[in-house]
Amino acid sequence: MSRLTQTPPLISIRPSRILQVERHVDDPILPQRENKQIRLALSFLDTFARLEFILSKVDRLEKWQLQGNLKDATGLMEHLQTLAEELVITIQSLWNQCADKEQLVETLDLKRLYPRGCHYLLLSNKHQDLTSTTDVQAHYFHMALLNQIYATAFQVLQGLNLKNHKYIPYQLALLYQCVNQQEVKYQAYALRIEEQFSEIKSHTKRHDVPLLTEFHITWLQKLAQDIIEQVMQEIQTGSTTKMGEVAQKLVRLNKE
C-alpha cells in the first residue's frame, strides 16, 4: 500500500467547518438602529412620493381628455384611483403612529414637496396651482440628469479598456451634451471636452481599428473620473435641491 494513502496531508484542502452563507435579501433597507421617529418620517416621504406620482398621472390624463388627445381612459383612471386610495389607507395608518401630525407635516415640508397629495388628503385648505412643477418633481428630473451624466462618463471609462476606440468620440459627444444640460459648475467639463474632441475624433478616423494614444487615454480617464466624483458629491450632499433641507431635518430627528 502506498505511503501517500497512510500519511496525513501537508495541507488540508477541506475546511474545518462549514459556515452558513449570510443572506441580506430580506433585511430592511433602513437599519433597525435608526429611531422610530425617523423611520416614520421616511415612510411618510416614501408614501407621499408615490401618491404624488399617481395623482400627477391622473392630472395628465384629464388634461389629455380635455384636449381631445385621449378617447377613453376610464379603466386606467379607475386603476389609478384605486392605487391612490390604497396609499391613502397607508398614510392614515401612519398618522395613527404619529404623536404630532401637524408638526411632522411642517418638519417634512409635505405641503410644498407634495402639493397634489396634500390637496387630495385635504391637508391644504388653500388651492394651489397643481399644474406647476413641484420641488420634488424638479428633484426627480435633476437626479435623472445626474444619472445620465454618471452613466455616460462610466461608459467612456469602459470604452477605454477595449481594443478598438472607434466609438469613443460618439460617447464623448454624448457626454458633452449631458454636461451642457447642467448648471454652471459642469461647464468647465464641456470646455475640457472642446479642447481635445477634434483631435480625438480625427485620430479615430485615420485608422480602421483605432487605438487612442496614451496621452488621450490618460486624459479621458481623468476627465471621466472627475465628472463621476462631481456627480457623487452632488448626490451625497443634496446641495442642489430643497430635498437637501429635508435630509438635514431627518438627520436632526435621528439625533433627538
Protein backbone atom coordinates (compact mmCIF):
# COMPACT_ATOMS: atom_id res chain seq x y z
CA MET A 1 0.00 0.00 0.00
CA SER A 2 1.34 3.42 -0.89
CA ARG A 3 2.57 5.61 1.92
CA LEU A 4 0.70 8.52 0.35
CA THR A 5 -2.57 6.96 1.49
CA GLN A 6 -1.29 6.33 5.02
CA THR A 7 0.41 9.64 5.89
CA PRO A 8 -1.59 12.80 6.68
CA PRO A 9 -1.61 15.56 4.04
CA LEU A 10 0.70 18.52 4.43
CA ILE A 11 -2.20 20.93 3.82
CA SER A 12 -5.87 20.14 4.40
CA ILE A 13 -7.92 21.29 1.44
CA ARG A 14 -11.18 20.65 3.27
CA PRO A 15 -12.49 23.39 5.56
CA SER A 16 -12.51 22.51 9.24
CA ARG A 17 -16.12 23.64 9.47
CA ILE A 18 -18.79 24.77 7.05
CA LEU A 19 -20.09 28.27 7.64
CA GLN A 20 -23.57 29.30 6.66
CA VAL A 21 -23.68 32.00 3.98
CA GLU A 22 -25.32 35.17 5.24
CA ARG A 23 -28.26 36.40 3.18
CA HIS A 24 -29.40 40.00 3.35
CA VAL A 25 -32.20 39.90 0.78
CA ASP A 26 -34.92 40.23 3.41
CA ASP A 27 -33.11 42.76 5.55
CA PRO A 28 -34.79 46.18 5.86
CA ILE A 29 -33.34 48.99 3.78
CA LEU A 30 -33.40 51.24 6.82
CA PRO A 31 -31.25 49.80 9.64
CA GLN A 32 -33.13 48.96 12.80
CA ARG A 33 -30.75 51.09 14.81
CA GLU A 34 -32.48 54.20 13.50
CA ASN A 35 -35.07 55.53 15.91
CA LYS A 36 -38.79 55.14 15.39
CA GLN A 37 -39.32 58.80 14.59
CA ILE A 38 -37.02 58.85 11.58
CA ARG A 39 -38.39 55.52 10.28
CA LEU A 40 -41.88 57.01 10.46
CA ALA A 41 -40.73 60.16 8.66
CA LEU A 42 -39.12 58.16 5.84
CA SER A 43 -42.28 56.08 5.49
CA PHE A 44 -44.29 59.30 5.05
CA LEU A 45 -41.90 60.61 2.40
CA ASP A 46 -41.99 57.31 0.52
CA THR A 47 -45.80 57.02 0.56
CA PHE A 48 -46.41 60.68 -0.29
CA ALA A 49 -43.95 60.44 -3.20
CA ARG A 50 -45.86 57.50 -4.69
CA LEU A 51 -49.19 59.26 -4.16
CA GLU A 52 -47.88 62.43 -5.80
CA PHE A 53 -46.65 60.40 -8.78
CA ILE A 54 -50.04 58.73 -9.27
CA LEU A 55 -52.00 61.97 -8.90
CA SER A 56 -49.74 63.69 -11.43
CA LYS A 57 -50.61 60.90 -13.89
CA VAL A 58 -54.31 61.45 -13.21
CA ASP A 59 -53.92 65.19 -13.86
CA ARG A 60 -52.11 64.49 -17.12
CA LEU A 61 -54.77 62.05 -18.32
CA GLU A 62 -57.55 64.53 -17.50
CA LYS A 63 -55.69 67.24 -19.42
CA TRP A 64 -55.30 64.99 -22.46
CA GLN A 65 -59.00 64.14 -22.36
CA LEU A 66 -59.97 67.81 -22.30
CA GLN A 67 -57.68 68.44 -25.26
CA GLY A 68 -59.24 65.55 -27.15
CA ASN A 69 -55.97 63.65 -27.42
CA LEU A 70 -57.27 60.69 -25.40
CA LYS A 71 -60.54 59.00 -26.26
CA ASP A 72 -61.22 56.56 -23.44
CA ALA A 73 -59.12 56.18 -20.31
CA THR A 74 -61.86 55.11 -17.91
CA GLY A 75 -60.23 51.82 -16.99
CA LEU A 76 -56.83 53.38 -16.42
CA MET A 77 -58.30 56.23 -14.38
CA GLU A 78 -60.18 53.80 -12.15
CA HIS A 79 -56.99 51.78 -11.65
CA LEU A 80 -55.03 54.89 -10.66
CA GLN A 81 -57.79 55.99 -8.27
CA THR A 82 -57.69 52.55 -6.63
CA LEU A 83 -53.93 52.82 -6.17
CA ALA A 84 -54.34 56.32 -4.72
CA GLU A 85 -56.95 55.12 -2.21
CA GLU A 86 -54.66 52.27 -1.12
CA LEU A 87 -51.90 54.77 -0.44
CA VAL A 88 -54.33 56.96 1.50
CA ILE A 89 -55.10 54.00 3.76
CA THR A 90 -51.36 53.53 4.32
CA ILE A 91 -50.95 57.22 5.18
CA GLN A 92 -53.87 57.08 7.60
CA SER A 93 -52.21 54.10 9.30
CA LEU A 94 -49.01 56.12 9.61
CA TRP A 95 -50.99 59.03 11.07
CA ASN A 96 -52.12 56.77 13.89
CA GLN A 97 -48.47 56.20 14.84
CA CYS A 98 -47.67 59.91 14.83
CA ALA A 99 -47.73 61.86 18.09
CA ASP A 100 -47.99 65.30 16.45
CA LYS A 101 -49.39 65.22 12.93
CA GLU A 102 -49.11 68.93 12.20
CA GLN A 103 -45.51 69.13 13.40
CA LEU A 104 -44.47 66.25 11.14
CA VAL A 105 -46.19 67.83 8.13
CA GLU A 106 -44.35 71.07 8.82
CA THR A 107 -41.00 69.42 9.56
CA LEU A 108 -41.03 67.35 6.36
CA ASP A 109 -42.48 70.30 4.38
CA LEU A 110 -45.03 67.93 2.80
CA LYS A 111 -47.32 70.72 1.57
CA ARG A 112 -44.56 72.20 -0.59
CA LEU A 113 -42.99 68.94 -1.74
CA TYR A 114 -46.23 67.07 -2.45
CA PRO A 115 -48.99 69.62 -3.14
CA ARG A 116 -51.21 67.14 -5.02
CA GLY A 117 -51.08 64.59 -2.24
CA CYS A 118 -51.78 67.18 0.47
CA HIS A 119 -54.65 68.65 -1.55
CA TYR A 120 -56.04 65.13 -2.11
CA LEU A 121 -55.89 64.46 1.65
CA LEU A 122 -57.38 67.89 2.45
CA LEU A 123 -54.25 68.87 4.37
CA SER A 124 -54.04 72.11 2.44
CA ASN A 125 -57.05 74.43 2.51
CA LYS A 126 -55.52 76.81 0.01
CA HIS A 127 -55.90 75.63 -3.56
CA GLN A 128 -52.53 75.74 -5.27
CA ASP A 129 -51.59 75.73 -8.92
CA LEU A 130 -51.16 71.97 -9.19
CA THR A 131 -50.15 72.18 -12.84
CA SER A 132 -46.81 73.78 -11.98
CA THR A 133 -43.65 71.80 -11.35
CA THR A 134 -43.15 70.99 -7.68
CA ASP A 135 -39.85 70.88 -5.85
CA VAL A 136 -39.91 67.10 -5.68
CA GLN A 137 -40.56 66.82 -9.43
CA ALA A 138 -37.64 69.15 -10.07
CA HIS A 139 -35.59 66.95 -7.76
CA TYR A 140 -36.50 63.79 -9.70
CA PHE A 141 -35.68 65.48 -13.01
CA HIS A 142 -32.34 66.72 -11.72
CA MET A 143 -31.43 63.31 -10.33
CA ALA A 144 -32.27 61.74 -13.71
CA LEU A 145 -29.87 64.15 -15.43
CA LEU A 146 -27.14 63.35 -12.91
CA ASN A 147 -27.70 59.66 -13.50
CA GLN A 148 -27.35 60.22 -17.26
CA ILE A 149 -24.04 62.06 -16.78
CA TYR A 150 -22.72 59.36 -14.44
CA ALA A 151 -23.71 56.52 -16.79
CA THR A 152 -22.21 58.22 -19.84
CA ALA A 153 -18.91 59.03 -18.09
CA PHE A 154 -18.72 55.43 -16.88
CA GLN A 155 -19.27 54.20 -20.46
CA VAL A 156 -16.30 56.30 -21.58
CA LEU A 157 -14.15 54.64 -18.92
CA GLN A 158 -15.28 51.18 -20.02
CA GLY A 159 -14.71 52.00 -23.68
CA LEU A 160 -11.08 52.85 -22.99
CA ASN A 161 -10.48 49.23 -21.93
CA LEU A 162 -11.47 47.92 -25.36
CA LYS A 163 -9.02 47.21 -28.16
CA ASN A 164 -11.00 49.40 -30.53
CA HIS A 165 -11.69 53.04 -29.63
CA LYS A 166 -13.87 53.71 -32.67
CA TYR A 167 -16.92 54.76 -30.62
CA ILE A 168 -15.12 56.91 -28.04
CA PRO A 169 -15.81 60.17 -29.97
CA TYR A 170 -19.55 59.36 -30.06
CA GLN A 171 -19.58 58.67 -26.32
CA LEU A 172 -17.60 61.84 -25.70
CA ALA A 173 -20.06 63.87 -27.78
CA LEU A 174 -22.95 62.44 -25.75
CA LEU A 175 -21.12 63.29 -22.52
CA TYR A 176 -20.65 66.83 -23.84
CA GLN A 177 -24.40 67.19 -24.39
CA CYS A 178 -25.12 65.84 -20.91
CA VAL A 179 -22.86 68.27 -19.07
CA ASN A 180 -24.21 71.17 -21.14
CA GLN A 181 -27.68 70.49 -19.72
CA GLN A 182 -26.44 71.04 -16.19
CA GLU A 183 -25.53 74.04 -14.10
CA VAL A 184 -22.52 76.32 -14.45
CA LYS A 185 -20.32 74.01 -12.34
CA TYR A 186 -20.39 71.44 -15.19
CA GLN A 187 -19.48 73.95 -17.92
CA ALA A 188 -15.80 73.53 -17.11
CA TYR A 189 -16.05 69.89 -18.23
CA ALA A 190 -17.65 70.98 -21.50
CA LEU A 191 -14.70 73.31 -22.14
CA ARG A 192 -12.25 70.49 -21.40
CA ILE A 193 -14.01 68.26 -23.92
CA GLU A 194 -13.88 71.01 -26.57
CA GLU A 195 -10.11 71.25 -26.17
CA GLN A 196 -9.40 67.65 -27.23
CA PHE A 197 -12.52 66.47 -29.05
CA SER A 198 -11.45 67.34 -32.60
CA GLU A 199 -8.05 65.70 -32.21
CA ILE A 200 -9.56 62.53 -30.70
CA LYS A 201 -12.15 62.32 -33.47
CA SER A 202 -9.64 62.82 -36.27
CA HIS A 203 -7.31 60.22 -34.75
CA THR A 204 -10.03 57.55 -34.75
CA LYS A 205 -10.94 58.41 -38.36
CA ARG A 206 -7.42 57.75 -39.61
CA HIS A 207 -7.34 54.07 -38.60
CA ASP A 208 -9.54 51.08 -39.38
CA VAL A 209 -9.11 49.75 -35.85
CA PRO A 210 -8.27 52.93 -33.98
CA LEU A 211 -6.46 52.99 -30.66
CA LEU A 212 -6.05 56.29 -28.84
CA THR A 213 -2.66 57.49 -27.76
CA GLU A 214 -1.52 57.02 -24.18
CA PHE A 215 -1.92 60.77 -23.65
CA HIS A 216 -5.57 60.77 -24.73
CA ILE A 217 -6.37 57.63 -22.74
CA THR A 218 -4.96 59.21 -19.58
CA TRP A 219 -6.72 62.50 -20.36
CA LEU A 220 -10.11 60.79 -20.86
CA GLN A 221 -9.71 58.72 -17.70
CA LYS A 222 -9.04 61.87 -15.67
CA LEU A 223 -11.99 63.68 -17.28
CA ALA A 224 -14.45 60.83 -16.66
CA GLN A 225 -13.25 60.28 -13.09
CA ASP A 226 -13.56 63.99 -12.27
CA ILE A 227 -17.12 64.06 -13.61
CA ILE A 228 -18.10 60.93 -11.69
CA GLU A 229 -16.67 62.37 -8.46
CA GLN A 230 -18.56 65.62 -9.05
CA VAL A 231 -21.85 63.78 -9.55
CA MET A 232 -21.36 61.59 -6.48
CA GLN A 233 -20.51 64.58 -4.32
CA GLU A 234 -23.61 66.40 -5.53
CA ILE A 235 -25.86 63.42 -4.82
CA GLN A 236 -24.43 62.87 -1.35
CA THR A 237 -24.65 66.49 -0.23
CA GLY A 238 -28.04 67.19 -1.82
CA SER A 239 -26.90 70.79 -2.28
CA THR A 240 -28.77 71.48 -5.50
CA THR A 241 -32.39 70.98 -4.39
CA LYS A 242 -34.66 71.64 -1.45
CA MET A 243 -34.63 67.90 -0.78
CA GLY A 244 -31.28 68.51 0.88
CA GLU A 245 -33.05 70.56 3.54
CA VAL A 246 -35.41 67.68 4.26
CA ALA A 247 -32.45 65.31 4.54
CA GLN A 248 -30.83 67.61 7.10
CA LYS A 249 -34.08 67.69 9.09
CA LEU A 250 -34.15 63.90 9.12
CA VAL A 251 -30.62 63.84 10.48
CA ARG A 252 -31.68 66.17 13.28
CA LEU A 253 -34.70 63.97 14.00
CA ASN A 254 -32.41 60.96 14.30
CA LYS A 255 -30.21 62.75 16.84
CA GLU A 256 -33.13 63.71 19.08
